[in-house]
Amino acid sequence: MFKNETEMRAKKTLDRRTQRTRRRLGGALVELIQEKRFDDITVQNVIDRAAVGRATFYSHYRDKEDLFEKQWERFLDMLAQRIDWANAGKGSFVPVVFLFSHLQEAQRYYRGLVRSRKADPVLKRGIEYLSQKIEATLTARLKRKPTIPTPILANYLASELFILLKWWLDKGMPYTPEHMDQIYHRLINPTFKMVQAETLHRS
């Protein structure tokens, strides 16, 4: 607990400043990836573009790789928070439109990742990280253990999402994000509906 309102206001100000600095650094890295290969980007390039000091950078991140990974993880956290579990098995519950629309608007960034040979590692990390988030939620929500082990179910939901995303991006985004949302949920909802029925009716 904070001793007084002054401390609380000071912490909120510091939090806002931290978030603003991280957004500037993340935005700078995104811009640079669109312009050059990741291996050619230096920390100095990032801090010059973001207009922050070197000490400020290293107070938040170890290096440019740490910045890149933390930025991706923050986006995945936001993605996981948007999953509508109350609608699972019945309709659109994974935020496919949100994810696909975001990448659709960042085509140059994705091409930069491909050019830097980071697209596949990014998608792999997406599967791993989102799987962990989904597994934790499923473990808490399912009243009984399904016959499909929860880690496998979580990996299936995350893998299908990023496999479809990679196919869609590599093929030049031939369908709308809304159409891809429908396709994804047609694939996964029957499995999830089965799991729900199984955990509800098993004794």
Protein backbone atom coordinates (compact mmCIF):
# COMPACT_ATOMS: atom_id res chain seq x y z
CA MET A 1 0.00 0.00 0.00
CA PHE A 2 1.14 3.51 -0.74
CA LYS A 3 1.58 5.79 2.26
CA ASN A 4 -0.11 8.73 0.64
CA GLU A 5 -1.64 10.07 -2.55
CA THR A 6 1.60 11.78 -3.53
CA GLU A 7 3.38 8.42 -3.82
CA MET A 8 0.48 7.01 -5.79
CA ARG A 9 0.51 9.91 -8.24
CA ALA A 10 4.29 9.65 -8.59
CA LYS A 11 4.03 5.94 -9.42
CA LYS A 12 1.30 6.56 -12.01
CA THR A 13 3.44 9.25 -13.62
CA LEU A 14 6.43 6.90 -13.69
CA ASP A 15 4.30 4.10 -15.16
CA ARG A 16 3.00 6.38 -17.90
CA ARG A 17 6.53 7.57 -18.67
CA THR A 18 7.75 3.97 -18.83
CA GLN A 19 4.95 2.95 -21.17
CA ARG A 20 5.59 5.98 -23.38
CA THR A 21 9.32 5.20 -23.58
CA ARG A 22 8.67 1.56 -24.42
CA ARG A 23 6.20 2.55 -27.14
CA ARG A 24 8.75 4.93 -28.66
CA LEU A 25 11.50 2.31 -28.62
CA GLY A 26 9.19 -0.35 -30.02
CA GLY A 27 7.93 1.98 -32.73
CA ALA A 28 11.49 2.91 -33.67
CA LEU A 29 12.44 -0.74 -34.05
CA VAL A 30 9.37 -1.45 -36.18
CA GLU A 31 10.30 1.42 -38.51
CA LEU A 32 13.91 0.27 -38.79
CA ILE A 33 12.94 -3.33 -39.58
CA GLN A 34 10.96 -1.98 -42.53
CA GLU A 35 14.10 -0.24 -43.79
CA LYS A 36 16.96 -2.68 -43.18
CA ARG A 37 17.80 -6.21 -42.06
CA PHE A 38 17.52 -6.85 -38.33
CA ASP A 39 21.18 -7.87 -38.08
CA ASP A 40 22.19 -4.48 -39.47
CA ILE A 41 20.20 -2.52 -36.90
CA THR A 42 22.15 -1.28 -33.89
CA VAL A 43 20.98 -0.12 -30.48
CA GLN A 44 22.30 3.30 -31.47
CA ASN A 45 20.00 3.29 -34.50
CA VAL A 46 17.04 2.53 -32.23
CA ILE A 47 17.77 5.19 -29.62
CA ASP A 48 18.49 7.80 -32.30
CA ARG A 49 15.16 7.06 -33.98
CA ALA A 50 13.29 7.02 -30.67
CA ALA A 51 15.13 10.08 -29.36
CA VAL A 52 15.93 8.52 -25.99
CA GLY A 53 19.21 8.14 -24.15
CA ARG A 54 21.36 5.02 -24.12
CA ALA A 55 21.00 4.71 -20.34
CA THR A 56 17.22 4.87 -20.72
CA PHE A 57 17.29 2.08 -23.28
CA TYR A 58 19.35 -0.20 -21.07
CA SER A 59 17.14 0.52 -18.07
CA HIS A 60 14.36 -1.26 -19.98
CA TYR A 61 16.06 -3.80 -22.27
CA ARG A 62 19.26 -5.84 -22.45
CA ASP A 63 19.68 -5.39 -26.20
CA LYS A 64 17.72 -5.00 -29.43
CA GLU A 65 16.72 -8.69 -29.33
CA ASP A 66 15.22 -8.24 -25.88
CA LEU A 67 13.29 -5.21 -27.12
CA PHE A 68 12.03 -7.18 -30.11
CA GLU A 69 10.92 -10.17 -27.99
CA LYS A 70 9.27 -8.08 -25.25
CA GLN A 71 7.36 -6.07 -27.82
CA TRP A 72 6.03 -9.27 -29.43
CA GLU A 73 5.11 -10.73 -26.03
CA ARG A 74 3.15 -7.60 -25.09
CA PHE A 75 1.16 -7.94 -28.32
CA LEU A 76 0.52 -11.63 -27.59
CA ASP A 77 -0.65 -10.74 -24.07
CA MET A 78 -3.13 -8.32 -25.60
CA LEU A 79 -4.23 -11.01 -28.06
CA ALA A 80 -4.77 -13.55 -25.28
CA GLN A 81 -6.80 -11.06 -23.25
CA ARG A 82 -9.17 -10.64 -26.20
CA ILE A 83 -10.13 -14.32 -26.33
CA ASP A 84 -13.86 -14.59 -25.58
CA TRP A 85 -14.00 -17.89 -23.72
CA ALA A 86 -17.75 -17.55 -23.09
CA ASN A 87 -18.26 -18.00 -26.85
CA ALA A 88 -15.79 -20.90 -27.25
CA GLY A 89 -17.16 -23.77 -29.30
CA LYS A 90 -20.15 -21.73 -30.43
CA GLY A 91 -18.78 -19.00 -32.65
CA SER A 92 -15.89 -16.62 -33.11
CA PHE A 93 -13.98 -16.49 -29.82
CA VAL A 94 -10.29 -16.20 -30.79
CA PRO A 95 -9.53 -12.63 -32.05
CA VAL A 96 -8.52 -13.67 -35.56
CA VAL A 97 -9.80 -10.46 -37.16
CA PHE A 98 -7.79 -8.37 -34.69
CA LEU A 99 -4.56 -10.31 -35.41
CA PHE A 100 -4.95 -10.57 -39.18
CA SER A 101 -6.05 -6.93 -39.58
CA HIS A 102 -3.04 -5.81 -37.56
CA LEU A 103 -0.66 -7.70 -39.87
CA GLN A 104 -2.58 -6.58 -42.94
CA GLU A 105 -1.86 -2.98 -41.97
CA ALA A 106 1.81 -3.82 -41.37
CA GLN A 107 2.73 -5.53 -44.64
CA ARG A 108 6.06 -3.71 -44.92
CA TYR A 109 6.94 -4.81 -41.40
CA TYR A 110 6.19 -8.46 -42.21
CA ARG A 111 8.27 -8.23 -45.39
CA GLY A 112 11.04 -6.79 -43.24
CA LEU A 113 10.80 -9.78 -40.91
CA VAL A 114 10.97 -12.16 -43.87
CA ARG A 115 13.98 -10.26 -45.27
CA SER A 116 15.66 -10.51 -41.84
CA ARG A 117 14.80 -14.23 -41.57
CA LYS A 118 12.85 -13.55 -38.41
CA ALA A 119 9.32 -14.32 -39.60
CA ASP A 120 9.47 -18.05 -38.81
CA PRO A 121 11.04 -17.58 -35.34
CA VAL A 122 8.43 -14.91 -34.56
CA LEU A 123 5.56 -17.20 -35.51
CA LYS A 124 7.11 -20.10 -33.59
CA ARG A 125 7.43 -17.90 -30.50
CA GLY A 126 3.82 -16.83 -31.01
CA ILE A 127 2.69 -20.45 -30.87
CA GLU A 128 4.75 -21.19 -27.76
CA TYR A 129 3.76 -18.08 -25.83
CA LEU A 130 0.06 -18.14 -26.73
CA SER A 131 -0.10 -21.88 -25.98
CA GLN A 132 1.10 -21.19 -22.44
CA LYS A 133 -1.52 -18.49 -21.95
CA ILE A 134 -4.31 -20.67 -23.33
CA GLU A 135 -3.22 -23.70 -21.29
CA ALA A 136 -3.32 -21.69 -18.06
CA THR A 137 -6.83 -20.43 -18.86
CA LEU A 138 -8.15 -23.85 -19.90
CA THR A 139 -6.75 -25.46 -16.76
CA ALA A 140 -8.67 -22.93 -14.69
CA ARG A 141 -11.90 -23.09 -16.72
CA LEU A 142 -12.38 -26.79 -17.46
CA LYS A 143 -13.99 -28.50 -14.49
CA ARG A 144 -12.67 -31.93 -15.48
CA LYS A 145 -9.62 -33.05 -17.42
CA PRO A 146 -10.51 -33.78 -21.07
CA THR A 147 -9.28 -36.92 -22.79
CA ILE A 148 -7.19 -34.60 -24.98
CA PRO A 149 -4.46 -33.34 -22.62
CA THR A 150 -4.82 -29.63 -21.98
CA PRO A 151 -1.27 -28.76 -23.21
CA ILE A 152 -2.04 -30.47 -26.53
CA LEU A 153 -5.39 -28.70 -26.87
CA ALA A 154 -3.78 -25.33 -26.12
CA ASN A 155 -1.00 -25.97 -28.64
CA TYR A 156 -3.60 -26.97 -31.25
CA LEU A 157 -5.57 -23.73 -30.84
CA ALA A 158 -2.42 -21.58 -31.04
CA SER A 159 -0.76 -23.57 -33.82
CA GLU A 160 -3.79 -23.48 -36.11
CA LEU A 161 -3.98 -19.72 -35.66
CA PHE A 162 -0.37 -19.01 -36.61
CA ILE A 163 -0.23 -21.66 -39.35
CA LEU A 164 -3.21 -19.99 -41.02
CA LEU A 165 -1.66 -16.57 -40.48
CA LYS A 166 1.61 -17.59 -42.15
CA TRP A 167 -0.22 -19.19 -45.09
CA TRP A 168 -2.36 -16.08 -45.51
CA LEU A 169 0.60 -13.68 -45.42
CA ASP A 170 2.79 -15.79 -47.70
CA LYS A 171 -0.05 -16.12 -50.25
CA GLY A 172 -0.56 -12.39 -50.40
CA MET A 173 -3.63 -12.22 -48.13
CA PRO A 174 -6.14 -13.63 -50.66
CA TYR A 175 -9.07 -13.51 -48.20
CA THR A 176 -10.31 -10.86 -45.82
CA PRO A 177 -9.51 -11.12 -42.09
CA GLU A 178 -13.22 -11.74 -41.51
CA HIS A 179 -13.19 -14.70 -43.91
CA MET A 180 -10.09 -16.13 -42.24
CA ASP A 181 -11.86 -15.77 -38.90
CA GLN A 182 -14.70 -17.93 -40.20
CA ILE A 183 -12.29 -20.53 -41.59
CA TYR A 184 -10.30 -20.75 -38.36
CA HIS A 185 -13.37 -21.25 -36.20
CA ARG A 186 -14.85 -23.82 -38.56
CA LEU A 187 -11.66 -25.80 -38.01
CA ILE A 188 -11.36 -25.50 -34.24
CA ASN A 189 -14.91 -25.18 -32.90
CA PRO A 190 -15.92 -28.82 -33.48
CA THR A 191 -12.92 -29.98 -31.44
CA PHE A 192 -13.55 -27.47 -28.68
CA LYS A 193 -17.26 -28.29 -28.57
CA MET A 194 -16.37 -31.96 -28.13
CA VAL A 195 -14.01 -31.13 -25.27
CA GLN A 196 -16.66 -29.02 -23.56
CA ALA A 197 -19.29 -31.74 -23.86
CA GLU A 198 -16.86 -34.32 -22.58
CA THR A 199 -15.84 -32.34 -19.49
CA LEU A 200 -19.46 -31.50 -18.70
CA HIS A 201 -20.82 -35.03 -18.93
CA ARG A 202 -18.00 -37.26 -17.72
CA SER A 203 -18.51 -38.45 -14.18
